């Protein structure tokens, strides 16, 4: 899945598929490389970078603070009462990562916007939230599981 990203005021698009990363900035700069994560660093194009999360949108890379915002088009999903919020909803991982916490169990009642699963990818934690009020029909993951982009983690009815 492709995301829009802003790094220190420069906008672009990033796409991660497995261990491939493609970053294209609006000014024409392109990076296409392999990467791997080991918990505190990113191996990118044969070079190791120390990475840690700062406050808010800050990310520290080799001691340099970067302001990073990632735009997820799912953030524009319709609000309460919209027809697309009815029926069975599958909540999937947006990029490869590791499940840190599962916040619900099958059968639990949930409210729209309630956290379901926390996934860590590239040293950033992403809480997957329920797109609607309903009941958790399935939980297809567990804590410490490694997940792929697009893998369904929870189903809400």
N, C-alpha and C. Protein backbone atom coordinates (compact mmCIF):
# COMPACT_ATOMS: atom_id res chain seq x y z
N UNK A 1 0.83 -1.18 0.00
CA UNK A 1 0.00 0.00 0.00
C UNK A 1 0.88 1.24 0.00
N UNK A 2 0.50 2.24 -0.74
CA UNK A 2 1.24 3.48 -0.83
C UNK A 2 0.67 4.50 0.14
N UNK A 3 1.55 5.25 0.78
CA UNK A 3 1.15 6.31 1.71
C UNK A 3 1.82 7.61 1.30
N UNK A 4 1.12 8.70 1.55
CA UNK A 4 1.75 10.01 1.40
C UNK A 4 2.52 10.28 2.68
N UNK A 5 3.69 10.91 2.55
CA UNK A 5 4.52 11.16 3.71
C UNK A 5 5.13 12.56 3.59
N UNK A 6 5.29 13.22 4.74
CA UNK A 6 5.99 14.49 4.79
C UNK A 6 7.12 14.34 5.79
N UNK A 7 8.36 14.56 5.33
CA UNK A 7 9.54 14.46 6.17
C UNK A 7 10.22 15.83 6.16
N UNK A 8 10.26 16.47 7.32
CA UNK A 8 10.83 17.82 7.45
C UNK A 8 10.29 18.77 6.38
N UNK A 9 8.98 18.73 6.15
CA UNK A 9 8.34 19.65 5.23
C UNK A 9 8.38 19.24 3.77
N UNK A 10 9.08 18.18 3.43
CA UNK A 10 9.14 17.71 2.05
C UNK A 10 8.16 16.57 1.87
N UNK A 11 7.28 16.69 0.88
CA UNK A 11 6.26 15.67 0.68
C UNK A 11 6.69 14.66 -0.37
N UNK A 12 6.13 13.49 -0.24
CA UNK A 12 6.41 12.42 -1.18
C UNK A 12 5.49 11.25 -0.93
N UNK A 13 5.83 10.13 -1.55
CA UNK A 13 5.06 8.91 -1.38
C UNK A 13 6.02 7.79 -1.02
N UNK A 14 5.55 6.90 -0.14
CA UNK A 14 6.35 5.75 0.27
C UNK A 14 5.52 4.49 0.07
N UNK A 15 6.19 3.47 -0.43
CA UNK A 15 5.54 2.17 -0.63
C UNK A 15 6.46 1.10 -0.07
N UNK A 16 5.93 0.26 0.82
CA UNK A 16 6.70 -0.83 1.40
C UNK A 16 5.99 -2.12 1.05
N UNK A 17 6.73 -3.02 0.43
CA UNK A 17 6.21 -4.35 0.09
C UNK A 17 7.25 -5.35 0.53
N UNK A 18 6.95 -6.09 1.59
CA UNK A 18 7.92 -7.02 2.13
C UNK A 18 9.15 -6.27 2.60
N UNK A 19 10.31 -6.58 2.04
CA UNK A 19 11.54 -5.88 2.43
C UNK A 19 11.95 -4.83 1.41
N UNK A 20 11.07 -4.49 0.47
CA UNK A 20 11.34 -3.46 -0.53
C UNK A 20 10.71 -2.15 -0.10
N UNK A 21 11.45 -1.08 -0.23
CA UNK A 21 10.96 0.25 0.09
C UNK A 21 11.19 1.13 -1.12
N UNK A 22 10.16 1.85 -1.52
CA UNK A 22 10.29 2.83 -2.62
C UNK A 22 9.76 4.15 -2.09
N UNK A 23 10.60 5.18 -2.17
CA UNK A 23 10.25 6.52 -1.70
C UNK A 23 10.46 7.47 -2.86
N UNK A 24 9.43 8.23 -3.21
CA UNK A 24 9.52 9.20 -4.29
C UNK A 24 9.07 10.54 -3.73
N UNK A 25 10.00 11.51 -3.71
CA UNK A 25 9.70 12.85 -3.23
C UNK A 25 9.15 13.67 -4.39
N UNK A 26 8.31 14.66 -4.09
CA UNK A 26 7.70 15.49 -5.13
C UNK A 26 8.72 16.27 -5.95
N UNK A 27 9.93 16.49 -5.38
CA UNK A 27 10.96 17.22 -6.14
C UNK A 27 11.78 16.30 -7.05
N UNK A 28 11.35 15.02 -7.14
CA UNK A 28 12.00 14.10 -8.07
C UNK A 28 13.00 13.14 -7.46
N UNK A 29 13.39 13.32 -6.21
CA UNK A 29 14.33 12.40 -5.56
C UNK A 29 13.62 11.04 -5.41
N UNK A 30 14.31 9.95 -5.78
CA UNK A 30 13.75 8.62 -5.66
C UNK A 30 14.72 7.70 -4.94
N UNK A 31 14.18 6.86 -4.07
CA UNK A 31 14.97 5.82 -3.39
C UNK A 31 14.21 4.52 -3.57
N UNK A 32 14.90 3.51 -4.05
CA UNK A 32 14.32 2.19 -4.23
C UNK A 32 15.32 1.21 -3.66
N UNK A 33 14.98 0.56 -2.54
CA UNK A 33 15.98 -0.24 -1.85
C UNK A 33 15.36 -1.37 -1.05
N UNK A 34 16.23 -2.24 -0.57
CA UNK A 34 15.88 -3.29 0.39
C UNK A 34 16.12 -2.73 1.78
N UNK A 35 15.34 -3.18 2.77
CA UNK A 35 15.59 -2.78 4.14
C UNK A 35 15.21 -3.92 5.07
N UNK A 36 15.73 -3.87 6.29
CA UNK A 36 15.34 -4.82 7.32
C UNK A 36 15.37 -4.10 8.66
N UNK A 37 14.58 -4.62 9.60
CA UNK A 37 14.48 -4.03 10.93
C UNK A 37 15.07 -5.00 11.94
N UNK A 38 15.77 -4.47 12.95
CA UNK A 38 16.25 -5.36 14.02
C UNK A 38 15.85 -4.85 15.39
N UNK A 39 14.92 -3.93 15.47
CA UNK A 39 14.44 -3.44 16.76
C UNK A 39 14.84 -2.00 17.06
N UNK A 40 16.12 -1.66 16.86
CA UNK A 40 16.55 -0.29 17.13
C UNK A 40 17.25 0.34 15.94
N UNK A 41 17.40 -0.42 14.87
CA UNK A 41 18.05 0.14 13.70
C UNK A 41 17.38 -0.38 12.44
N UNK A 42 17.65 0.32 11.35
CA UNK A 42 17.15 -0.07 10.04
C UNK A 42 18.36 -0.28 9.15
N UNK A 43 18.44 -1.43 8.52
CA UNK A 43 19.48 -1.69 7.54
C UNK A 43 18.89 -1.32 6.20
N UNK A 44 19.45 -0.28 5.60
CA UNK A 44 18.87 0.28 4.38
C UNK A 44 19.98 0.43 3.35
N UNK A 45 19.86 -0.30 2.26
CA UNK A 45 20.84 -0.22 1.19
C UNK A 45 22.25 -0.52 1.69
N UNK A 46 22.35 -1.48 2.63
CA UNK A 46 23.66 -1.89 3.15
C UNK A 46 24.20 -1.03 4.28
N UNK A 47 23.53 0.05 4.64
CA UNK A 47 23.97 0.91 5.74
C UNK A 47 23.00 0.78 6.90
N UNK A 48 23.53 0.80 8.11
CA UNK A 48 22.71 0.70 9.31
C UNK A 48 22.42 2.10 9.86
N UNK A 49 21.16 2.35 10.20
CA UNK A 49 20.73 3.63 10.77
C UNK A 49 20.05 3.36 12.10
N UNK A 50 20.50 4.06 13.18
CA UNK A 50 19.83 3.97 14.48
C UNK A 50 18.53 4.78 14.39
N UNK A 51 17.44 4.18 14.78
CA UNK A 51 16.13 4.82 14.66
C UNK A 51 15.41 4.72 15.99
N UNK A 52 14.83 5.85 16.42
CA UNK A 52 13.98 5.83 17.61
C UNK A 52 12.89 6.86 17.45
N UNK A 53 11.80 6.62 18.12
CA UNK A 53 10.66 7.52 18.05
C UNK A 53 10.81 8.61 19.09
N UNK A 54 10.55 9.84 18.71
CA UNK A 54 10.57 10.96 19.63
C UNK A 54 9.15 11.32 20.03
N UNK A 55 8.96 12.54 20.49
CA UNK A 55 7.64 13.03 20.88
C UNK A 55 6.83 13.40 19.63
N UNK A 56 5.54 13.14 19.69
CA UNK A 56 4.66 13.52 18.58
C UNK A 56 5.07 12.88 17.27
N UNK A 57 5.34 13.72 16.27
CA UNK A 57 5.72 13.23 14.95
C UNK A 57 7.22 13.15 14.76
N UNK A 58 7.99 13.19 15.84
CA UNK A 58 9.45 13.16 15.72
C UNK A 58 9.97 11.74 15.58
N UNK A 59 10.97 11.60 14.71
CA UNK A 59 11.72 10.36 14.56
C UNK A 59 13.19 10.75 14.57
N UNK A 60 14.00 10.03 15.36
CA UNK A 60 15.43 10.29 15.43
C UNK A 60 16.16 9.25 14.60
N UNK A 61 16.97 9.70 13.66
CA UNK A 61 17.75 8.82 12.79
C UNK A 61 19.21 9.21 12.93
N UNK A 62 20.03 8.29 13.50
CA UNK A 62 21.45 8.55 13.75
C UNK A 62 21.68 9.88 14.46
N UNK A 63 20.82 10.17 15.45
CA UNK A 63 20.97 11.39 16.25
C UNK A 63 20.38 12.64 15.63
N UNK A 64 19.81 12.55 14.45
CA UNK A 64 19.21 13.71 13.78
C UNK A 64 17.69 13.61 13.90
N UNK A 65 17.08 14.72 14.38
CA UNK A 65 15.62 14.74 14.56
C UNK A 65 14.94 15.06 13.23
N UNK A 66 13.99 14.24 12.88
CA UNK A 66 13.17 14.47 11.69
C UNK A 66 11.71 14.58 12.11
N UNK A 67 11.00 15.46 11.48
CA UNK A 67 9.56 15.54 11.68
C UNK A 67 8.92 14.72 10.56
N UNK A 68 8.13 13.71 10.94
CA UNK A 68 7.57 12.81 9.93
C UNK A 68 6.08 12.65 10.15
N UNK A 69 5.32 12.85 9.08
CA UNK A 69 3.89 12.60 9.11
C UNK A 69 3.55 11.66 7.98
N UNK A 70 2.74 10.66 8.29
CA UNK A 70 2.31 9.70 7.28
C UNK A 70 0.80 9.83 7.15
N UNK A 71 0.33 10.03 5.93
CA UNK A 71 -1.09 10.16 5.66
C UNK A 71 -1.64 8.82 5.19
N UNK A 72 -2.60 8.31 5.92
CA UNK A 72 -3.24 7.05 5.59
C UNK A 72 -4.62 7.37 5.01
N UNK A 73 -4.89 7.00 3.75
CA UNK A 73 -6.19 7.33 3.15
C UNK A 73 -7.38 6.75 3.91
N UNK A 74 -7.14 5.71 4.73
CA UNK A 74 -8.23 5.16 5.53
C UNK A 74 -8.70 6.13 6.59
N UNK A 75 -7.87 7.17 6.90
CA UNK A 75 -8.29 8.18 7.87
C UNK A 75 -9.48 8.99 7.36
N UNK A 76 -9.74 8.91 6.07
CA UNK A 76 -10.86 9.64 5.47
C UNK A 76 -12.13 8.80 5.41
N UNK A 77 -12.14 7.65 6.09
CA UNK A 77 -13.31 6.78 6.02
C UNK A 77 -14.54 7.53 6.52
N UNK A 78 -15.69 7.14 6.00
CA UNK A 78 -16.93 7.83 6.36
C UNK A 78 -17.23 7.74 7.85
N UNK A 79 -18.01 8.69 8.32
CA UNK A 79 -18.37 8.75 9.73
C UNK A 79 -19.52 7.84 10.08
N UNK A 80 -20.02 7.98 11.29
CA UNK A 80 -21.10 7.15 11.81
C UNK A 80 -22.31 7.23 10.88
N UNK A 81 -22.98 6.08 10.77
CA UNK A 81 -24.23 6.05 10.02
C UNK A 81 -24.04 5.89 8.53
N UNK A 82 -22.85 5.95 8.02
CA UNK A 82 -22.64 5.81 6.59
C UNK A 82 -22.82 4.34 6.20
N UNK A 83 -23.37 4.09 5.03
CA UNK A 83 -23.64 2.72 4.59
C UNK A 83 -22.39 1.86 4.56
N UNK A 84 -21.23 2.43 4.26
CA UNK A 84 -20.02 1.62 4.16
C UNK A 84 -19.54 1.14 5.53
N UNK A 85 -20.12 1.66 6.61
CA UNK A 85 -19.75 1.19 7.95
C UNK A 85 -20.63 0.03 8.41
N UNK A 86 -21.56 -0.41 7.58
CA UNK A 86 -22.45 -1.50 7.95
C UNK A 86 -21.89 -2.82 7.45
N UNK A 87 -22.29 -3.90 8.12
CA UNK A 87 -21.83 -5.21 7.70
C UNK A 87 -20.48 -5.56 8.29
N UNK A 88 -19.93 -6.61 7.80
CA UNK A 88 -18.66 -7.16 8.28
C UNK A 88 -17.50 -6.27 7.83
N UNK A 89 -16.65 -5.88 8.78
CA UNK A 89 -15.49 -5.03 8.48
C UNK A 89 -14.21 -5.77 8.87
N UNK A 90 -13.27 -5.89 7.93
CA UNK A 90 -12.00 -6.53 8.20
C UNK A 90 -10.94 -5.45 8.45
N UNK A 91 -10.24 -5.56 9.56
CA UNK A 91 -9.19 -4.61 9.91
C UNK A 91 -7.87 -5.29 9.62
N UNK A 92 -7.09 -4.70 8.68
CA UNK A 92 -5.86 -5.34 8.20
C UNK A 92 -4.64 -4.49 8.54
N UNK A 93 -3.48 -5.15 8.60
CA UNK A 93 -2.21 -4.47 8.82
C UNK A 93 -1.89 -3.62 7.58
N UNK A 94 -1.48 -2.39 7.80
CA UNK A 94 -1.18 -1.50 6.67
C UNK A 94 0.23 -1.72 6.12
N UNK A 95 1.12 -2.30 6.94
CA UNK A 95 2.48 -2.61 6.50
C UNK A 95 3.00 -3.77 7.34
N UNK A 96 4.06 -4.41 6.91
CA UNK A 96 4.59 -5.52 7.70
C UNK A 96 5.05 -5.04 9.07
N UNK A 97 4.87 -5.87 10.08
CA UNK A 97 5.29 -5.47 11.42
C UNK A 97 5.08 -6.58 12.42
N UNK A 98 5.10 -6.20 13.69
CA UNK A 98 4.94 -7.15 14.80
C UNK A 98 3.78 -6.69 15.67
N UNK A 99 2.89 -7.62 16.02
CA UNK A 99 1.76 -7.32 16.89
C UNK A 99 2.30 -7.15 18.30
N UNK A 100 2.07 -5.99 18.88
CA UNK A 100 2.53 -5.68 20.23
C UNK A 100 1.46 -6.09 21.25
N UNK A 101 0.20 -5.71 20.98
CA UNK A 101 -0.89 -6.02 21.90
C UNK A 101 -2.17 -6.30 21.11
N UNK A 102 -2.95 -7.24 21.59
CA UNK A 102 -4.31 -7.46 21.09
C UNK A 102 -5.22 -6.95 22.20
N UNK A 103 -6.05 -5.96 21.88
CA UNK A 103 -6.84 -5.27 22.90
C UNK A 103 -8.26 -5.82 23.07
N UNK A 104 -8.68 -6.76 22.19
CA UNK A 104 -10.03 -7.31 22.25
C UNK A 104 -9.99 -8.82 22.07
N UNK A 105 -11.12 -9.45 22.38
CA UNK A 105 -11.29 -10.89 22.17
C UNK A 105 -12.55 -11.09 21.34
N UNK A 106 -12.64 -12.23 20.66
CA UNK A 106 -13.85 -12.57 19.92
C UNK A 106 -15.05 -12.51 20.86
N UNK A 107 -16.12 -11.87 20.38
CA UNK A 107 -17.33 -11.73 21.19
C UNK A 107 -17.44 -10.40 21.90
N UNK A 108 -16.32 -9.66 22.04
CA UNK A 108 -16.35 -8.36 22.72
C UNK A 108 -17.19 -7.35 21.93
N UNK A 109 -17.91 -6.50 22.65
CA UNK A 109 -18.58 -5.36 22.02
C UNK A 109 -17.57 -4.23 21.91
N UNK A 110 -17.59 -3.52 20.76
CA UNK A 110 -16.66 -2.40 20.56
C UNK A 110 -17.43 -1.18 20.04
N UNK A 111 -16.87 -0.03 20.30
CA UNK A 111 -17.41 1.24 19.81
C UNK A 111 -16.58 1.71 18.63
N UNK A 112 -17.16 2.51 17.77
CA UNK A 112 -16.42 3.09 16.65
C UNK A 112 -15.23 3.88 17.19
N UNK A 113 -14.05 3.64 16.63
CA UNK A 113 -12.84 4.34 17.05
C UNK A 113 -12.09 3.66 18.19
N UNK A 114 -12.64 2.60 18.74
CA UNK A 114 -11.98 1.88 19.84
C UNK A 114 -10.79 1.09 19.31
N UNK A 115 -9.70 1.08 20.06
CA UNK A 115 -8.51 0.33 19.67
C UNK A 115 -8.76 -1.17 19.70
N UNK A 116 -8.21 -1.86 18.68
CA UNK A 116 -8.37 -3.31 18.58
C UNK A 116 -7.04 -4.05 18.71
N UNK A 117 -6.03 -3.56 17.99
CA UNK A 117 -4.72 -4.21 17.93
C UNK A 117 -3.66 -3.12 17.80
N UNK A 118 -2.49 -3.33 18.42
CA UNK A 118 -1.37 -2.41 18.27
C UNK A 118 -0.27 -3.15 17.51
N UNK A 119 0.15 -2.58 16.37
CA UNK A 119 1.18 -3.18 15.52
C UNK A 119 2.36 -2.22 15.46
N UNK A 120 3.57 -2.76 15.64
CA UNK A 120 4.78 -1.95 15.53
C UNK A 120 5.43 -2.21 14.17
N UNK A 121 5.71 -1.14 13.44
CA UNK A 121 6.39 -1.22 12.16
C UNK A 121 7.37 -0.06 12.08
N UNK A 122 8.61 -0.34 11.77
CA UNK A 122 9.65 0.68 11.65
C UNK A 122 9.75 1.51 12.94
N UNK A 123 9.68 0.83 14.10
CA UNK A 123 9.82 1.45 15.43
C UNK A 123 8.68 2.42 15.75
N UNK A 124 7.59 2.36 15.03
CA UNK A 124 6.43 3.20 15.33
C UNK A 124 5.25 2.28 15.62
N UNK A 125 4.51 2.59 16.66
CA UNK A 125 3.35 1.78 17.02
C UNK A 125 2.09 2.38 16.40
N UNK A 126 1.30 1.52 15.79
CA UNK A 126 0.08 1.94 15.11
C UNK A 126 -1.09 1.18 15.72
N UNK A 127 -2.03 1.91 16.32
CA UNK A 127 -3.20 1.28 16.90
C UNK A 127 -4.28 1.17 15.83
N UNK A 128 -4.68 -0.06 15.52
CA UNK A 128 -5.75 -0.30 14.57
C UNK A 128 -7.07 -0.12 15.31
N UNK A 129 -7.95 0.72 14.77
CA UNK A 129 -9.20 1.05 15.47
C UNK A 129 -10.41 0.51 14.72
N UNK A 130 -11.47 0.31 15.47
CA UNK A 130 -12.70 -0.20 14.88
C UNK A 130 -13.36 0.88 14.02
N UNK A 131 -13.73 0.53 12.78
CA UNK A 131 -14.38 1.51 11.91
C UNK A 131 -15.85 1.72 12.25
N UNK A 132 -16.38 0.90 13.18
CA UNK A 132 -17.80 0.99 13.52
C UNK A 132 -18.05 0.37 14.89
N UNK A 133 -19.19 0.65 15.44
CA UNK A 133 -19.63 -0.03 16.66
C UNK A 133 -20.15 -1.40 16.27
N UNK A 134 -19.90 -2.38 17.11
CA UNK A 134 -20.37 -3.72 16.80
C UNK A 134 -19.78 -4.74 17.73
N UNK A 135 -19.62 -5.96 17.21
CA UNK A 135 -19.10 -7.08 17.97
C UNK A 135 -17.90 -7.65 17.24
N UNK A 136 -16.87 -8.02 17.99
CA UNK A 136 -15.68 -8.64 17.39
C UNK A 136 -16.06 -10.07 17.00
N UNK A 137 -16.07 -10.34 15.70
CA UNK A 137 -16.43 -11.67 15.20
C UNK A 137 -15.23 -12.62 15.24
N UNK A 138 -14.05 -12.09 14.88
CA UNK A 138 -12.85 -12.92 14.84
C UNK A 138 -11.63 -12.10 15.23
N UNK A 139 -10.70 -12.74 15.90
CA UNK A 139 -9.37 -12.18 16.13
C UNK A 139 -8.42 -13.17 15.47
N UNK A 140 -7.74 -12.73 14.40
CA UNK A 140 -6.90 -13.64 13.61
C UNK A 140 -5.41 -13.49 13.89
N UNK A 141 -5.07 -12.87 15.00
CA UNK A 141 -3.66 -12.68 15.34
C UNK A 141 -3.46 -12.84 16.83
N UNK A 142 -2.23 -12.73 17.27
CA UNK A 142 -1.89 -12.81 18.70
C UNK A 142 -0.70 -11.90 18.95
N UNK A 143 -0.47 -11.57 20.21
CA UNK A 143 0.69 -10.75 20.58
C UNK A 143 1.97 -11.47 20.15
N UNK A 144 2.96 -10.71 19.71
CA UNK A 144 4.26 -11.19 19.25
C UNK A 144 4.23 -11.82 17.86
N UNK A 145 3.07 -11.84 17.19
CA UNK A 145 3.01 -12.38 15.84
C UNK A 145 3.61 -11.40 14.84
N UNK A 146 4.25 -11.92 13.83
CA UNK A 146 4.74 -11.10 12.72
C UNK A 146 3.65 -11.11 11.66
N UNK A 147 3.29 -9.92 11.15
CA UNK A 147 2.21 -9.81 10.17
C UNK A 147 2.70 -9.16 8.88
N UNK A 148 2.04 -9.48 7.80
CA UNK A 148 2.34 -8.92 6.48
C UNK A 148 1.37 -7.79 6.16
N UNK A 149 1.76 -6.92 5.25
CA UNK A 149 0.86 -5.85 4.80
C UNK A 149 -0.39 -6.48 4.20
N UNK A 150 -1.55 -5.98 4.61
CA UNK A 150 -2.82 -6.47 4.09
C UNK A 150 -3.39 -7.66 4.82
N UNK A 151 -2.63 -8.22 5.76
CA UNK A 151 -3.11 -9.38 6.52
C UNK A 151 -4.23 -8.95 7.46
N UNK A 152 -5.36 -9.65 7.41
CA UNK A 152 -6.50 -9.32 8.27
C UNK A 152 -6.20 -9.74 9.70
N UNK A 153 -6.37 -8.79 10.63
CA UNK A 153 -6.05 -9.03 12.04
C UNK A 153 -7.30 -9.27 12.88
N UNK A 154 -8.36 -8.47 12.61
CA UNK A 154 -9.60 -8.55 13.39
C UNK A 154 -10.77 -8.33 12.44
N UNK A 155 -11.89 -8.99 12.73
CA UNK A 155 -13.12 -8.81 11.96
C UNK A 155 -14.19 -8.31 12.93
N UNK A 156 -14.86 -7.20 12.56
CA UNK A 156 -15.92 -6.62 13.38
C UNK A 156 -17.23 -6.69 12.60
N UNK A 157 -18.29 -7.15 13.27
CA UNK A 157 -19.63 -7.21 12.65
C UNK A 157 -20.55 -6.20 13.30
